[in-house]
């Protein structure tokens, strides 16, 4: 699990960029929570994304990130909403996580392993 103490260093023409593994884990979790059919993350059950992003909850729990020579591997656990296709939701999580990490960090995502650890019975919140 990313503790925020491990950093990925990317050399740049103006110096170096250091990205915490915890930043990548939070990015992965936030992307997964946006996927239709995902009911939440096991460690953050019952939390809404605004509270998670405001720092009141640790969004990176349930997410492991490993970086080897600028190639990222992600392990993420999710809960799927009852009635949703588990396979479609998990595949969409893989795509969303890979796209989010690649677009925010510039690193290549090698693998996104999704662990569906449960089912939620809550309904998605209606847009106001």
N, C-alpha and C. Protein backbone atom coordinates (compact mmCIF):
# COMPACT_ATOMS: atom_id res chain seq x y z
N UNK A 1 0.85 -1.17 0.00
CA UNK A 1 0.00 0.00 0.00
C UNK A 1 0.89 1.23 0.00
N UNK A 2 0.47 2.22 -0.73
CA UNK A 2 1.28 3.44 -0.81
C UNK A 2 1.14 4.25 0.47
N UNK A 3 2.26 4.58 1.08
CA UNK A 3 2.26 5.35 2.32
C UNK A 3 2.53 6.82 2.09
N UNK A 4 2.75 7.20 0.86
CA UNK A 4 3.10 8.59 0.59
C UNK A 4 4.57 8.87 0.82
N UNK A 5 5.37 7.85 1.13
CA UNK A 5 6.79 8.05 1.42
C UNK A 5 7.67 7.66 0.25
N UNK A 6 7.13 6.90 -0.69
CA UNK A 6 7.88 6.49 -1.85
C UNK A 6 7.55 7.42 -3.01
N UNK A 7 8.59 7.87 -3.69
CA UNK A 7 8.41 8.81 -4.78
C UNK A 7 8.98 8.24 -6.06
N UNK A 8 8.34 8.61 -7.16
CA UNK A 8 8.83 8.28 -8.48
C UNK A 8 9.50 9.54 -9.00
N UNK A 9 10.72 9.42 -9.45
CA UNK A 9 11.44 10.57 -9.98
C UNK A 9 11.49 10.48 -11.50
N UNK A 10 11.10 11.58 -12.12
CA UNK A 10 11.11 11.68 -13.58
C UNK A 10 12.03 12.81 -13.96
N UNK A 11 13.13 12.50 -14.64
CA UNK A 11 14.02 13.57 -15.06
C UNK A 11 13.34 14.45 -16.10
N UNK A 12 13.60 15.72 -16.03
CA UNK A 12 13.02 16.69 -16.95
C UNK A 12 14.14 17.61 -17.40
N UNK A 13 13.94 18.30 -18.49
CA UNK A 13 14.99 19.19 -18.99
C UNK A 13 15.29 20.32 -18.02
N UNK A 14 14.34 20.67 -17.15
CA UNK A 14 14.56 21.74 -16.17
C UNK A 14 14.92 21.23 -14.79
N UNK A 15 15.01 19.93 -14.61
CA UNK A 15 15.30 19.34 -13.31
C UNK A 15 14.63 17.99 -13.18
N UNK A 16 14.09 17.70 -12.01
CA UNK A 16 13.41 16.43 -11.77
C UNK A 16 12.02 16.68 -11.22
N UNK A 17 11.13 15.76 -11.53
CA UNK A 17 9.77 15.79 -10.99
C UNK A 17 9.63 14.57 -10.10
N UNK A 18 9.17 14.76 -8.87
CA UNK A 18 8.99 13.67 -7.93
C UNK A 18 7.50 13.53 -7.64
N UNK A 19 6.97 12.33 -7.90
CA UNK A 19 5.55 12.07 -7.69
C UNK A 19 5.43 10.99 -6.62
N UNK A 20 4.66 11.28 -5.58
CA UNK A 20 4.43 10.32 -4.52
C UNK A 20 3.58 9.17 -5.05
N UNK A 21 3.88 7.94 -4.64
CA UNK A 21 3.05 6.81 -5.01
C UNK A 21 1.63 6.99 -4.47
N UNK A 22 1.50 7.70 -3.35
CA UNK A 22 0.18 7.96 -2.79
C UNK A 22 -0.65 8.82 -3.73
N UNK A 23 -0.03 9.73 -4.45
CA UNK A 23 -0.74 10.56 -5.43
C UNK A 23 -1.30 9.66 -6.53
N UNK A 24 -0.52 8.71 -6.99
CA UNK A 24 -0.99 7.78 -8.01
C UNK A 24 -2.12 6.91 -7.48
N UNK A 25 -2.02 6.49 -6.22
CA UNK A 25 -3.07 5.67 -5.61
C UNK A 25 -4.38 6.45 -5.48
N UNK A 26 -4.30 7.70 -5.06
CA UNK A 26 -5.50 8.54 -4.95
C UNK A 26 -6.10 8.79 -6.33
N UNK A 27 -5.26 9.02 -7.32
CA UNK A 27 -5.73 9.21 -8.69
C UNK A 27 -6.48 7.97 -9.18
N UNK A 28 -5.92 6.79 -8.90
CA UNK A 28 -6.56 5.54 -9.30
C UNK A 28 -7.91 5.36 -8.61
N UNK A 29 -7.95 5.62 -7.31
CA UNK A 29 -9.19 5.46 -6.55
C UNK A 29 -10.27 6.42 -7.03
N UNK A 30 -9.91 7.67 -7.26
CA UNK A 30 -10.87 8.66 -7.73
C UNK A 30 -11.43 8.27 -9.10
N UNK A 31 -10.57 7.78 -9.98
CA UNK A 31 -11.02 7.34 -11.31
C UNK A 31 -11.97 6.16 -11.19
N UNK A 32 -11.66 5.22 -10.32
CA UNK A 32 -12.52 4.04 -10.15
C UNK A 32 -13.89 4.43 -9.62
N UNK A 33 -13.93 5.40 -8.70
CA UNK A 33 -15.21 5.82 -8.12
C UNK A 33 -16.12 6.51 -9.12
N UNK A 34 -15.57 7.00 -10.21
CA UNK A 34 -16.36 7.66 -11.24
C UNK A 34 -16.99 6.68 -12.23
N UNK A 35 -16.60 5.42 -12.18
CA UNK A 35 -17.07 4.42 -13.13
C UNK A 35 -18.50 4.00 -12.80
N UNK A 36 -19.35 3.97 -13.82
CA UNK A 36 -20.72 3.51 -13.63
C UNK A 36 -20.71 2.04 -13.20
N UNK A 37 -21.46 1.74 -12.17
CA UNK A 37 -21.53 0.38 -11.66
C UNK A 37 -20.66 0.16 -10.43
N UNK A 38 -19.72 1.07 -10.17
CA UNK A 38 -18.87 0.95 -8.98
C UNK A 38 -19.61 1.60 -7.82
N UNK A 39 -19.79 0.84 -6.74
CA UNK A 39 -20.51 1.33 -5.58
C UNK A 39 -19.60 1.92 -4.52
N UNK A 40 -18.31 1.74 -4.65
CA UNK A 40 -17.37 2.31 -3.69
C UNK A 40 -16.11 1.48 -3.60
N UNK A 41 -15.28 1.87 -2.65
CA UNK A 41 -14.06 1.13 -2.33
C UNK A 41 -14.28 0.49 -0.97
N UNK A 42 -13.83 -0.72 -0.75
CA UNK A 42 -14.11 -1.40 0.50
C UNK A 42 -13.71 -0.62 1.75
N UNK A 43 -12.59 0.06 1.72
CA UNK A 43 -12.11 0.78 2.90
C UNK A 43 -12.88 2.07 3.14
N UNK A 44 -13.61 2.55 2.15
CA UNK A 44 -14.28 3.84 2.24
C UNK A 44 -15.78 3.72 2.09
N UNK A 45 -16.34 2.58 2.44
CA UNK A 45 -17.77 2.34 2.29
C UNK A 45 -18.57 3.44 2.96
N UNK A 46 -19.52 3.98 2.23
CA UNK A 46 -20.40 5.01 2.78
C UNK A 46 -19.88 6.42 2.64
N UNK A 47 -18.70 6.61 2.11
CA UNK A 47 -18.14 7.94 1.95
C UNK A 47 -18.48 8.47 0.56
N UNK A 48 -18.69 9.77 0.47
CA UNK A 48 -18.88 10.31 -0.87
C UNK A 48 -17.57 10.91 -1.36
N UNK A 49 -17.47 11.11 -2.66
CA UNK A 49 -16.20 11.51 -3.26
C UNK A 49 -15.75 12.89 -2.79
N UNK A 50 -16.69 13.81 -2.53
CA UNK A 50 -16.30 15.14 -2.07
C UNK A 50 -15.59 15.06 -0.73
N UNK A 51 -16.11 14.23 0.17
CA UNK A 51 -15.47 14.06 1.48
C UNK A 51 -14.11 13.40 1.34
N UNK A 52 -14.02 12.43 0.42
CA UNK A 52 -12.75 11.74 0.22
C UNK A 52 -11.70 12.68 -0.34
N UNK A 53 -12.09 13.47 -1.34
CA UNK A 53 -11.12 14.37 -1.96
C UNK A 53 -10.76 15.54 -1.06
N UNK A 54 -11.63 15.88 -0.12
CA UNK A 54 -11.34 16.97 0.82
C UNK A 54 -10.33 16.53 1.88
N UNK A 55 -9.94 15.27 1.83
CA UNK A 55 -8.90 14.79 2.75
C UNK A 55 -9.44 14.27 4.07
N UNK A 56 -10.75 14.15 4.20
CA UNK A 56 -11.31 13.66 5.46
C UNK A 56 -11.21 12.15 5.58
N UNK A 57 -11.05 11.48 4.46
CA UNK A 57 -10.90 10.03 4.43
C UNK A 57 -9.68 9.72 3.57
N UNK A 58 -9.09 8.56 3.81
CA UNK A 58 -7.93 8.17 3.02
C UNK A 58 -8.40 7.41 1.79
N UNK A 59 -8.41 8.08 0.65
CA UNK A 59 -8.90 7.51 -0.59
C UNK A 59 -8.00 6.40 -1.11
N UNK A 60 -6.76 6.37 -0.72
CA UNK A 60 -5.84 5.39 -1.28
C UNK A 60 -5.89 4.02 -0.60
N UNK A 61 -6.70 3.87 0.45
CA UNK A 61 -6.83 2.54 1.06
C UNK A 61 -7.47 1.60 0.07
N UNK A 62 -6.97 0.39 -0.01
CA UNK A 62 -7.50 -0.56 -0.98
C UNK A 62 -6.85 -0.44 -2.34
N UNK A 63 -5.84 0.43 -2.46
CA UNK A 63 -5.13 0.61 -3.72
C UNK A 63 -3.64 0.43 -3.47
N UNK A 64 -3.03 -0.40 -4.27
CA UNK A 64 -1.57 -0.56 -4.21
C UNK A 64 -0.99 -0.15 -5.55
N UNK A 65 0.07 0.63 -5.48
CA UNK A 65 0.74 1.09 -6.69
C UNK A 65 2.20 0.70 -6.59
N UNK A 66 2.71 0.12 -7.66
CA UNK A 66 4.14 -0.20 -7.74
C UNK A 66 4.66 0.38 -9.04
N UNK A 67 5.83 0.98 -8.97
CA UNK A 67 6.44 1.57 -10.16
C UNK A 67 7.80 0.93 -10.36
N UNK A 68 8.02 0.44 -11.59
CA UNK A 68 9.29 -0.16 -11.93
C UNK A 68 9.73 0.45 -13.26
N UNK A 69 10.75 1.31 -13.20
CA UNK A 69 11.29 1.96 -14.39
C UNK A 69 10.20 2.66 -15.21
N UNK A 70 9.45 3.54 -14.57
CA UNK A 70 8.41 4.34 -15.18
C UNK A 70 7.25 3.52 -15.74
N UNK A 71 7.08 2.28 -15.29
CA UNK A 71 5.94 1.44 -15.65
C UNK A 71 5.17 1.17 -14.37
N UNK A 72 3.88 1.46 -14.39
CA UNK A 72 3.05 1.40 -13.19
C UNK A 72 2.18 0.15 -13.20
N UNK A 73 2.12 -0.49 -12.04
CA UNK A 73 1.21 -1.61 -11.80
C UNK A 73 0.29 -1.20 -10.67
N UNK A 74 -1.02 -1.39 -10.87
CA UNK A 74 -2.02 -1.00 -9.88
C UNK A 74 -2.83 -2.22 -9.47
N UNK A 75 -3.04 -2.35 -8.17
CA UNK A 75 -3.96 -3.35 -7.61
C UNK A 75 -5.03 -2.54 -6.89
N UNK A 76 -6.30 -2.71 -7.28
CA UNK A 76 -7.37 -1.94 -6.68
C UNK A 76 -8.56 -2.84 -6.36
N UNK A 77 -9.14 -2.63 -5.20
CA UNK A 77 -10.33 -3.36 -4.78
C UNK A 77 -11.53 -2.44 -4.88
N UNK A 78 -12.64 -2.96 -5.43
CA UNK A 78 -13.85 -2.16 -5.59
C UNK A 78 -15.07 -2.98 -5.15
N UNK A 79 -16.14 -2.24 -4.89
CA UNK A 79 -17.46 -2.83 -4.65
C UNK A 79 -18.30 -2.49 -5.87
N UNK A 80 -19.06 -3.45 -6.36
CA UNK A 80 -19.90 -3.23 -7.53
C UNK A 80 -21.35 -3.11 -7.07
N UNK A 81 -22.09 -2.21 -7.70
CA UNK A 81 -23.51 -2.03 -7.38
C UNK A 81 -24.30 -3.25 -7.84
N UNK A 82 -25.23 -3.66 -7.01
CA UNK A 82 -26.12 -4.76 -7.36
C UNK A 82 -26.84 -4.44 -8.67
N UNK A 83 -26.90 -5.40 -9.57
CA UNK A 83 -27.56 -5.21 -10.86
C UNK A 83 -26.61 -4.81 -11.97
N UNK A 84 -25.41 -4.39 -11.61
CA UNK A 84 -24.42 -4.01 -12.62
C UNK A 84 -23.65 -5.24 -13.08
N UNK A 85 -23.16 -5.21 -14.28
CA UNK A 85 -22.32 -6.28 -14.77
C UNK A 85 -20.95 -6.16 -14.12
N UNK A 86 -20.56 -7.18 -13.39
CA UNK A 86 -19.27 -7.16 -12.69
C UNK A 86 -18.14 -7.05 -13.70
N UNK A 87 -18.23 -7.82 -14.76
CA UNK A 87 -17.16 -7.82 -15.75
C UNK A 87 -17.05 -6.46 -16.46
N UNK A 88 -18.17 -5.87 -16.83
CA UNK A 88 -18.14 -4.57 -17.50
C UNK A 88 -17.62 -3.48 -16.57
N UNK A 89 -18.06 -3.50 -15.32
CA UNK A 89 -17.60 -2.50 -14.35
C UNK A 89 -16.10 -2.64 -14.11
N UNK A 90 -15.63 -3.86 -13.94
CA UNK A 90 -14.20 -4.08 -13.68
C UNK A 90 -13.36 -3.65 -14.88
N UNK A 91 -13.82 -3.96 -16.07
CA UNK A 91 -13.09 -3.55 -17.29
C UNK A 91 -13.05 -2.02 -17.41
N UNK A 92 -14.19 -1.38 -17.09
CA UNK A 92 -14.24 0.08 -17.14
C UNK A 92 -13.32 0.69 -16.09
N UNK A 93 -13.18 0.04 -14.93
CA UNK A 93 -12.25 0.51 -13.90
C UNK A 93 -10.82 0.42 -14.43
N UNK A 94 -10.48 -0.68 -15.08
CA UNK A 94 -9.13 -0.82 -15.64
C UNK A 94 -8.83 0.33 -16.61
N UNK A 95 -9.76 0.60 -17.50
CA UNK A 95 -9.56 1.67 -18.48
C UNK A 95 -9.46 3.04 -17.82
N UNK A 96 -10.38 3.31 -16.88
CA UNK A 96 -10.40 4.63 -16.22
C UNK A 96 -9.14 4.87 -15.41
N UNK A 97 -8.69 3.86 -14.68
CA UNK A 97 -7.49 3.99 -13.85
C UNK A 97 -6.26 4.20 -14.73
N UNK A 98 -6.13 3.39 -15.76
CA UNK A 98 -4.97 3.53 -16.66
C UNK A 98 -4.95 4.92 -17.31
N UNK A 99 -6.10 5.36 -17.81
CA UNK A 99 -6.16 6.68 -18.46
C UNK A 99 -5.84 7.81 -17.48
N UNK A 100 -6.38 7.73 -16.27
CA UNK A 100 -6.16 8.78 -15.28
C UNK A 100 -4.68 8.88 -14.88
N UNK A 101 -4.06 7.76 -14.62
CA UNK A 101 -2.65 7.77 -14.21
C UNK A 101 -1.76 8.23 -15.35
N UNK A 102 -2.01 7.72 -16.55
CA UNK A 102 -1.17 8.11 -17.68
C UNK A 102 -1.32 9.59 -18.01
N UNK A 103 -2.54 10.11 -17.93
CA UNK A 103 -2.73 11.52 -18.29
C UNK A 103 -2.23 12.48 -17.21
N UNK A 104 -2.27 12.07 -15.95
CA UNK A 104 -1.82 12.98 -14.89
C UNK A 104 -0.33 12.89 -14.59
N UNK A 105 0.27 11.71 -14.82
CA UNK A 105 1.67 11.54 -14.43
C UNK A 105 2.62 11.41 -15.60
N UNK A 106 2.10 11.03 -16.76
CA UNK A 106 2.97 10.79 -17.90
C UNK A 106 3.65 9.44 -17.86
N UNK A 107 3.36 8.64 -16.83
CA UNK A 107 3.93 7.30 -16.72
C UNK A 107 3.06 6.31 -17.48
N UNK A 108 3.65 5.20 -17.94
CA UNK A 108 2.90 4.16 -18.63
C UNK A 108 2.35 3.17 -17.62
N UNK A 109 1.09 2.81 -17.79
CA UNK A 109 0.46 1.82 -16.92
C UNK A 109 0.58 0.47 -17.59
N UNK A 110 1.25 -0.44 -16.90
CA UNK A 110 1.48 -1.78 -17.44
C UNK A 110 0.30 -2.70 -17.12
N UNK A 111 -0.19 -2.63 -15.87
CA UNK A 111 -1.24 -3.54 -15.42
C UNK A 111 -2.16 -2.83 -14.44
N UNK A 112 -3.46 -3.10 -14.55
CA UNK A 112 -4.43 -2.69 -13.53
C UNK A 112 -5.22 -3.94 -13.18
N UNK A 113 -4.95 -4.49 -12.00
CA UNK A 113 -5.66 -5.66 -11.51
C UNK A 113 -6.80 -5.19 -10.62
N UNK A 114 -8.03 -5.55 -10.97
CA UNK A 114 -9.21 -5.14 -10.23
C UNK A 114 -9.72 -6.33 -9.43
N UNK A 115 -9.90 -6.11 -8.13
CA UNK A 115 -10.44 -7.14 -7.24
C UNK A 115 -11.84 -6.68 -6.82
N UNK A 116 -12.85 -7.39 -7.26
CA UNK A 116 -14.21 -7.07 -6.86
C UNK A 116 -14.45 -7.84 -5.57
N UNK A 117 -14.56 -7.08 -4.46
CA UNK A 117 -14.62 -7.70 -3.14
C UNK A 117 -16.01 -7.71 -2.52
N UNK A 118 -16.98 -7.12 -3.22
CA UNK A 118 -18.32 -7.12 -2.66
C UNK A 118 -19.31 -6.41 -3.56
N UNK A 119 -20.55 -6.38 -3.07
CA UNK A 119 -21.66 -5.77 -3.79
C UNK A 119 -22.32 -4.76 -2.87
N UNK A 120 -22.70 -3.61 -3.43
CA UNK A 120 -23.47 -2.63 -2.66
C UNK A 120 -24.89 -2.60 -3.21
N UNK A 121 -25.81 -2.23 -2.35
CA UNK A 121 -27.22 -2.19 -2.74
C UNK A 121 -27.75 -0.77 -2.79
N UNK A 122 -26.88 0.20 -2.62
CA UNK A 122 -27.32 1.60 -2.67
C UNK A 122 -27.51 2.04 -4.11
N UNK A 123 -28.30 3.06 -4.28
CA UNK A 123 -28.56 3.62 -5.60
C UNK A 123 -27.59 4.76 -5.85
N UNK A 124 -27.20 4.99 -7.10
CA UNK A 124 -26.34 6.15 -7.38
C UNK A 124 -27.06 7.44 -7.02
N UNK A 125 -26.29 8.42 -6.54
CA UNK A 125 -26.86 9.72 -6.18
C UNK A 125 -27.29 10.46 -7.43
N UNK A 126 -28.44 11.10 -7.33
CA UNK A 126 -28.99 11.87 -8.45
C UNK A 126 -28.27 13.21 -8.55
N UNK A 127 -28.02 13.63 -9.78
CA UNK A 127 -27.41 14.94 -10.02
C UNK A 127 -28.43 16.03 -9.69
N UNK A 128 -27.98 17.10 -9.07
CA UNK A 128 -28.90 18.17 -8.69
C UNK A 128 -28.89 19.27 -9.70
